[in-house]
Amino acid sequence: MQLINKKGFTLVELMITVAIIGILASIVLVSTSTSVEKSKRASAIASASSVLPELVACQDDVGFAKSTAIVAGDPVCCTNGSCGTAFSGHTVTWPNVNTKAGWSYSSSAPTGTLAAGTYSYTLTKSGQTSIVCNYATNDCN
C-alpha cells in the first residue's frame, strides 16, 4: 500500500495566519492615525510660528498687531489694531492654518499688545488641545 503525501496548508493554519495579519494591521493603523494627527499639529505650529518674527519687526517699527479676530490673509503688522491697512514696509499676512491641518484661529481676538510684550493668539481644533502662540516667549505650543 502506498501512502499519498498531501501538501498544503490546513484551514486552521490559514485562519491563524489571517488573524495574525489582521492584528498587526490594526496596530499599524492606530499608530499611523496618531502620527498623522501629530504631524498636522506640527504643521499648524510651524505656520503659526512663522508670524512671530514679523511681530518682532512690527514692534521695532512701532506698528500694531491685529486686535480683532485673526483672519488668514490679513496683514500681521498694521497701521492700527483693526488691521485695515498694513504698516508701511510690512507685507507678511496671517497664514492659513486650516489647509490640510484642520486648525483655525480662535474666534476670540488675540490678547494683550505688542507694546506691553503680552500679545498672544490661539489656534483651535475640535478634540485637540489648543495651540497658544506668545510674543513674550517667542514660541507656539
Protein backbone atom coordinates (compact mmCIF):
# COMPACT_ATOMS: atom_id res chain seq x y z
CA MET A 1 0.00 0.00 0.00
CA GLN A 2 1.35 3.37 -0.99
CA LEU A 3 0.85 6.46 1.21
CA ILE A 4 -0.14 9.65 -0.52
CA ASN A 5 1.59 12.81 0.76
CA LYS A 6 -0.75 15.74 0.59
CA LYS A 7 1.00 19.09 0.52
CA GLY A 8 -0.59 22.38 1.54
CA PHE A 9 -1.99 24.25 4.48
CA THR A 10 -4.86 23.24 6.67
CA LEU A 11 -7.83 25.51 7.20
CA VAL A 12 -6.79 26.13 10.82
CA GLU A 13 -3.29 27.23 9.76
CA LEU A 14 -4.74 29.66 7.23
CA MET A 15 -7.21 31.09 9.77
CA ILE A 16 -4.44 31.66 12.32
CA THR A 17 -2.30 33.42 9.70
CA VAL A 18 -5.16 35.69 8.65
CA ALA A 19 -5.90 36.53 12.31
CA ILE A 20 -2.25 37.46 12.97
CA ILE A 21 -2.16 39.66 9.87
CA GLY A 22 -5.39 41.36 10.99
CA ILE A 23 -4.00 42.09 14.46
CA LEU A 24 -0.78 43.53 13.01
CA ALA A 25 -2.72 45.65 10.52
CA SER A 26 -4.89 47.13 13.28
CA ILE A 27 -1.80 48.03 15.33
CA VAL A 28 -0.24 49.78 12.32
CA LEU A 29 -3.49 51.63 11.60
CA VAL A 30 -3.75 53.00 15.15
CA SER A 31 -0.08 54.06 15.14
CA THR A 32 -0.45 55.75 11.76
CA SER A 33 -3.55 57.75 12.72
CA THR A 34 -1.78 59.09 15.83
CA SER A 35 1.26 60.05 13.78
CA VAL A 36 -0.85 61.83 11.19
CA GLU A 37 -2.54 63.98 13.86
CA LYS A 38 0.83 64.80 15.41
CA SER A 39 2.19 65.89 12.04
CA LYS A 40 -0.89 68.08 11.42
CA ARG A 41 -0.34 69.74 14.81
CA ALA A 42 3.35 70.28 14.00
CA SER A 43 2.37 71.81 10.65
CA ALA A 44 -0.07 74.20 12.33
CA ILE A 45 2.56 75.19 14.92
CA ALA A 46 5.11 75.86 12.17
CA SER A 47 2.64 78.01 10.23
CA ALA A 48 1.55 79.94 13.31
CA SER A 49 5.15 80.41 14.46
CA SER A 50 6.09 81.97 11.13
CA VAL A 51 4.28 85.12 12.25
CA LEU A 52 6.41 85.68 15.36
CA PRO A 53 9.43 87.26 13.59
CA GLU A 54 7.05 89.66 11.83
CA LEU A 55 5.58 90.65 15.19
CA VAL A 56 9.08 91.47 16.47
CA ALA A 57 9.80 93.56 13.36
CA CYS A 58 6.40 95.23 13.74
CA GLN A 59 7.14 96.17 17.35
CA ASP A 60 10.53 97.55 16.32
CA ASP A 61 8.81 99.75 13.73
CA VAL A 62 6.12 100.84 16.21
CA GLY A 63 3.30 99.17 14.33
CA PHE A 64 0.31 97.31 15.75
CA ALA A 65 -0.67 93.67 15.62
CA LYS A 66 -4.25 92.65 14.95
CA SER A 67 -6.51 93.27 17.96
CA THR A 68 -9.66 91.85 16.37
CA ALA A 69 -10.27 88.20 15.43
CA ILE A 70 -7.49 86.92 13.15
CA VAL A 71 -8.34 86.05 9.56
CA ALA A 72 -5.90 84.26 7.26
CA GLY A 73 -4.58 86.64 4.64
CA ASP A 74 -4.95 89.79 6.75
CA PRO A 75 -1.77 91.81 7.40
CA VAL A 76 0.12 90.92 10.58
CA CYS A 77 1.58 94.39 11.14
CA CYS A 78 -0.99 97.18 10.86
CA THR A 79 -1.31 100.93 10.99
CA ASN A 80 -3.93 100.39 13.73
CA GLY A 81 -5.26 97.47 15.78
CA SER A 82 -8.11 96.69 13.41
CA CYS A 83 -5.60 95.91 10.63
CA GLY A 84 -7.39 97.68 7.85
CA THR A 85 -4.06 98.66 6.31
CA ALA A 86 -0.64 97.03 6.51
CA PHE A 87 2.05 99.08 8.23
CA SER A 88 4.48 100.64 5.74
CA GLY A 89 7.12 98.14 4.57
CA HIS A 90 5.38 95.10 6.06
CA THR A 91 3.81 92.59 3.68
CA VAL A 92 3.52 89.44 5.84
CA THR A 93 -0.02 88.13 6.27
CA TRP A 94 -1.56 85.66 8.70
CA PRO A 95 -1.05 82.15 7.26
CA ASN A 96 -3.90 79.75 6.55
CA VAL A 97 -3.52 77.14 9.31
CA ASN A 98 -6.62 75.26 8.13
CA THR A 99 -5.05 73.90 4.93
CA LYS A 100 -4.81 70.11 5.41
CA ALA A 101 -4.17 70.50 9.16
CA GLY A 102 -7.76 71.45 10.08
CA TRP A 103 -6.81 74.11 12.64
CA SER A 104 -8.30 77.59 12.83
CA TYR A 105 -7.58 80.83 14.65
CA SER A 106 -9.66 81.21 17.77
CA SER A 107 -12.88 83.13 17.19
CA SER A 108 -11.89 85.46 20.02
CA ALA A 109 -9.44 88.30 19.45
CA PRO A 110 -5.77 87.95 20.42
CA THR A 111 -4.97 89.07 23.95
CA GLY A 112 -2.50 91.72 25.10
CA THR A 113 -0.48 94.13 22.99
CA LEU A 114 2.90 94.22 21.29
CA ALA A 115 3.89 97.35 23.21
CA ALA A 116 3.33 95.60 26.54
CA GLY A 117 5.00 92.43 25.27
CA THR A 118 1.90 90.40 26.13
CA TYR A 119 0.46 89.68 22.67
CA SER A 120 -0.77 86.09 22.20
CA TYR A 121 -3.09 84.28 19.82
CA THR A 122 -4.69 80.85 19.84
CA LEU A 123 -5.37 78.10 17.31
CA THR A 124 -8.16 75.61 17.92
CA LYS A 125 -9.28 72.28 16.52
CA SER A 126 -12.14 70.12 17.73
CA GLY A 127 -10.93 67.36 20.05
CA GLN A 128 -7.39 68.78 20.29
CA THR A 129 -5.52 70.82 22.87
CA SER A 130 -5.34 74.45 21.72
CA ILE A 131 -2.08 75.88 20.38
CA VAL A 132 -1.12 79.18 22.01
CA CYS A 133 1.45 81.46 20.40
CA ASN A 134 3.03 84.01 22.68
CA TYR A 135 5.01 87.10 21.64
CA ALA A 136 6.76 87.36 25.04
CA THR A 137 8.22 83.83 24.86
CA ASN A 138 8.51 83.84 21.06
CA ASP A 139 7.00 80.38 20.67
CA CYS A 140 3.88 78.37 19.98
CA ASN A 141 2.88 75.25 21.91
